[in-house]
Amino acid sequence: MNLTFHPAVERDVKAILAYYHKEGGERLADRFFSELRARFVEIAEQPTRFPYYLGNQILRRTTLNKFPYLILFRILPDSVRVSVVKHEKRHPNYGLWRN
């Protein structure tokens, strides 16, 4: 299925990459980005395999394996829309307003 992204997702990812680049260098930032891209592929291939987020029945979620981040997305008739990439410690409501 085709993936689309809320415009703020780019800002989310750039901020995360900047943090990892500053804290651990280019290799760490690249590892994060590689895992994120792999998870995007999994979402596009089988979006219904991921659970709903907080019983929302619209938003689904997945986590990264080696980094403490959530990806929230919704399944639309012709695509999957990624709404937010956020740290697991962010408030549960963060980014829910994004469509």
C-alpha atoms as a PDB file:
ATOM      1  CA  MET A   1       0.000   0.000   0.000  1.00  0.00           C
ATOM      2  CA  ASN A   2       1.166   3.541  -0.692  1.00  0.00           C
ATOM      3  CA  LEU A   3       2.474   5.544   2.295  1.00  0.00           C
ATOM      4  CA  THR A   4       1.720   9.218   2.759  1.00  0.00           C
ATOM      5  CA  PHE A   5       3.017  11.435   5.547  1.00  0.00           C
ATOM      6  CA  HIS A   6       1.600  14.306   7.521  1.00  0.00           C
ATOM      7  CA  PRO A   7       3.875  17.313   6.818  1.00  0.00           C
ATOM      8  CA  ALA A   8       4.967  17.443  10.464  1.00  0.00           C
ATOM      9  CA  VAL A   9       6.447  13.921  10.251  1.00  0.00           C
ATOM     10  CA  GLU A  10       9.399  15.330   8.311  1.00  0.00           C
ATOM     11  CA  ARG A  11      10.053  17.779  11.161  1.00  0.00           C
ATOM     12  CA  ASP A  12       9.712  14.960  13.695  1.00  0.00           C
ATOM     13  CA  VAL A  13      12.288  12.828  11.897  1.00  0.00           C
ATOM     14  CA  LYS A  14      14.706  15.706  11.267  1.00  0.00           C
ATOM     15  CA  ALA A  15      14.662  16.612  14.966  1.00  0.00           C
ATOM     16  CA  ILE A  16      15.307  12.999  15.983  1.00  0.00           C
ATOM     17  CA  LEU A  17      18.128  12.658  13.459  1.00  0.00           C
ATOM     18  CA  ALA A  18      19.715  15.900  14.664  1.00  0.00           C
ATOM     19  CA  TYR A  19      19.577  14.645  18.248  1.00  0.00           C
ATOM     20  CA  TYR A  20      21.178  11.291  17.427  1.00  0.00           C
ATOM     21  CA  HIS A  21      23.787  12.924  15.220  1.00  0.00           C
ATOM     22  CA  LYS A  22      24.735  15.303  18.032  1.00  0.00           C
ATOM     23  CA  GLU A  23      24.713  12.651  20.774  1.00  0.00           C
ATOM     24  CA  GLY A  24      26.197   9.669  18.953  1.00  0.00           C
ATOM     25  CA  GLY A  25      27.415  10.789  15.567  1.00  0.00           C
ATOM     26  CA  GLU A  26      26.488   9.956  12.015  1.00  0.00           C
ATOM     27  CA  ARG A  27      26.517   6.177  12.500  1.00  0.00           C
ATOM     28  CA  LEU A  28      23.906   6.314  15.249  1.00  0.00           C
ATOM     29  CA  ALA A  29      21.700   8.665  13.245  1.00  0.00           C
ATOM     30  CA  ASP A  30      22.022   6.353  10.225  1.00  0.00           C
ATOM     31  CA  ARG A  31      21.077   3.318  12.337  1.00  0.00           C
ATOM     32  CA  PHE A  32      17.954   5.115  13.542  1.00  0.00           C
ATOM     33  CA  PHE A  33      16.990   6.164  10.025  1.00  0.00           C
ATOM     34  CA  SER A  34      17.567   2.660   8.629  1.00  0.00           C
ATOM     35  CA  GLU A  35      15.330   1.118  11.264  1.00  0.00           C
ATOM     36  CA  LEU A  36      12.679   3.784  10.700  1.00  0.00           C
ATOM     37  CA  ARG A  37      12.655   3.162   6.925  1.00  0.00           C
ATOM     38  CA  ALA A  38      12.423  -0.601   7.467  1.00  0.00           C
ATOM     39  CA  ARG A  39       9.418  -0.101   9.744  1.00  0.00           C
ATOM     40  CA  PHE A  40       7.784   2.140   7.115  1.00  0.00           C
ATOM     41  CA  VAL A  41       8.150  -0.712   4.613  1.00  0.00           C
ATOM     42  CA  GLU A  42       6.508  -3.120   7.060  1.00  0.00           C
ATOM     43  CA  ILE A  43       3.648  -0.688   7.637  1.00  0.00           C
ATOM     44  CA  ALA A  44       3.093  -0.309   3.884  1.00  0.00           C
ATOM     45  CA  GLU A  45       3.149  -4.078   3.311  1.00  0.00           C
ATOM     46  CA  GLN A  46       0.866  -5.163   6.168  1.00  0.00           C
ATOM     47  CA  PRO A  47      -0.721  -2.217   7.979  1.00  0.00           C
ATOM     48  CA  THR A  48      -3.467  -4.272   9.644  1.00  0.00           C
ATOM     49  CA  ARG A  49      -0.983  -6.422  11.559  1.00  0.00           C
ATOM     50  CA  PHE A  50      -0.254  -3.554  13.946  1.00  0.00           C
ATOM     51  CA  PRO A  51      -2.472  -2.881  16.978  1.00  0.00           C
ATOM     52  CA  TYR A  52      -4.701   0.088  17.514  1.00  0.00           C
ATOM     53  CA  TYR A  53      -3.274   2.928  19.573  1.00  0.00           C
ATOM     54  CA  LEU A  54      -4.929   3.254  22.983  1.00  0.00           C
ATOM     55  CA  GLY A  55      -8.120   1.607  21.725  1.00  0.00           C
ATOM     56  CA  ASN A  56      -8.578   4.407  19.204  1.00  0.00           C
ATOM     57  CA  GLN A  57      -9.956   2.126  16.419  1.00  0.00           C
ATOM     58  CA  ILE A  58      -8.548   4.539  13.807  1.00  0.00           C
ATOM     59  CA  LEU A  59      -4.898   5.067  14.666  1.00  0.00           C
ATOM     60  CA  ARG A  60      -2.523   2.144  14.728  1.00  0.00           C
ATOM     61  CA  ARG A  61       0.925   2.061  16.236  1.00  0.00           C
ATOM     62  CA  THR A  62       4.230   0.344  16.010  1.00  0.00           C
ATOM     63  CA  THR A  63       7.507   0.816  17.813  1.00  0.00           C
ATOM     64  CA  LEU A  64      11.066   0.671  16.676  1.00  0.00           C
ATOM     65  CA  ASN A  65      13.074  -2.254  18.010  1.00  0.00           C
ATOM     66  CA  LYS A  66      16.261  -0.492  19.095  1.00  0.00           C
ATOM     67  CA  PHE A  67      15.081   3.076  19.591  1.00  0.00           C
ATOM     68  CA  PRO A  68      12.336   4.361  21.942  1.00  0.00           C
ATOM     69  CA  TYR A  69      10.016   5.751  19.268  1.00  0.00           C
ATOM     70  CA  LEU A  70       6.427   5.144  18.200  1.00  0.00           C
ATOM     71  CA  ILE A  71       4.974   5.532  14.734  1.00  0.00           C
ATOM     72  CA  LEU A  72       1.269   6.332  14.625  1.00  0.00           C
ATOM     73  CA  PHE A  73      -0.627   5.823  11.380  1.00  0.00           C
ATOM     74  CA  ARG A  74      -4.099   5.326   9.942  1.00  0.00           C
ATOM     75  CA  ILE A  75      -5.305   3.172   7.089  1.00  0.00           C
ATOM     76  CA  LEU A  76      -7.150   5.099   4.400  1.00  0.00           C
ATOM     77  CA  PRO A  77      -9.031   3.589   1.439  1.00  0.00           C
ATOM     78  CA  ASP A  78      -6.114   4.002  -0.967  1.00  0.00           C
ATOM     79  CA  SER A  79      -3.076   4.586   1.253  1.00  0.00           C
ATOM     80  CA  VAL A  80      -1.609   4.513   4.739  1.00  0.00           C
ATOM     81  CA  ARG A  81      -1.085   7.906   6.367  1.00  0.00           C
ATOM     82  CA  VAL A  82       1.751   8.248   8.890  1.00  0.00           C
ATOM     83  CA  SER A  83       0.680  10.909  11.377  1.00  0.00           C
ATOM     84  CA  VAL A  84       3.490  11.107  13.905  1.00  0.00           C
ATOM     85  CA  VAL A  85       6.863   9.716  14.912  1.00  0.00           C
ATOM     86  CA  LYS A  86       7.328  10.418  18.616  1.00  0.00           C
ATOM     87  CA  HIS A  87       9.388   9.367  21.598  1.00  0.00           C
ATOM     88  CA  GLU A  88       7.700   6.783  23.805  1.00  0.00           C
ATOM     89  CA  LYS A  89       7.823   9.188  26.756  1.00  0.00           C
ATOM     90  CA  ARG A  90       5.881  11.926  24.984  1.00  0.00           C
ATOM     91  CA  HIS A  91       2.359  12.492  26.204  1.00  0.00           C
ATOM     92  CA  PRO A  92       0.020   9.837  24.749  1.00  0.00           C
ATOM     93  CA  ASN A  93      -2.094  12.548  23.106  1.00  0.00           C
ATOM     94  CA  TYR A  94       0.847  14.169  21.331  1.00  0.00           C
ATOM     95  CA  GLY A  95       0.172  14.283  17.595  1.00  0.00           C
ATOM     96  CA  LEU A  96      -3.326  12.814  17.743  1.00  0.00           C
ATOM     97  CA  TRP A  97      -4.757  15.926  16.120  1.00  0.00           C
ATOM     98  CA  ARG A  98      -2.758  15.280  12.938  1.00  0.00           C
ATOM     99  CA  ASN A  99      -4.676  13.632  10.094  1.00  0.00           C
END
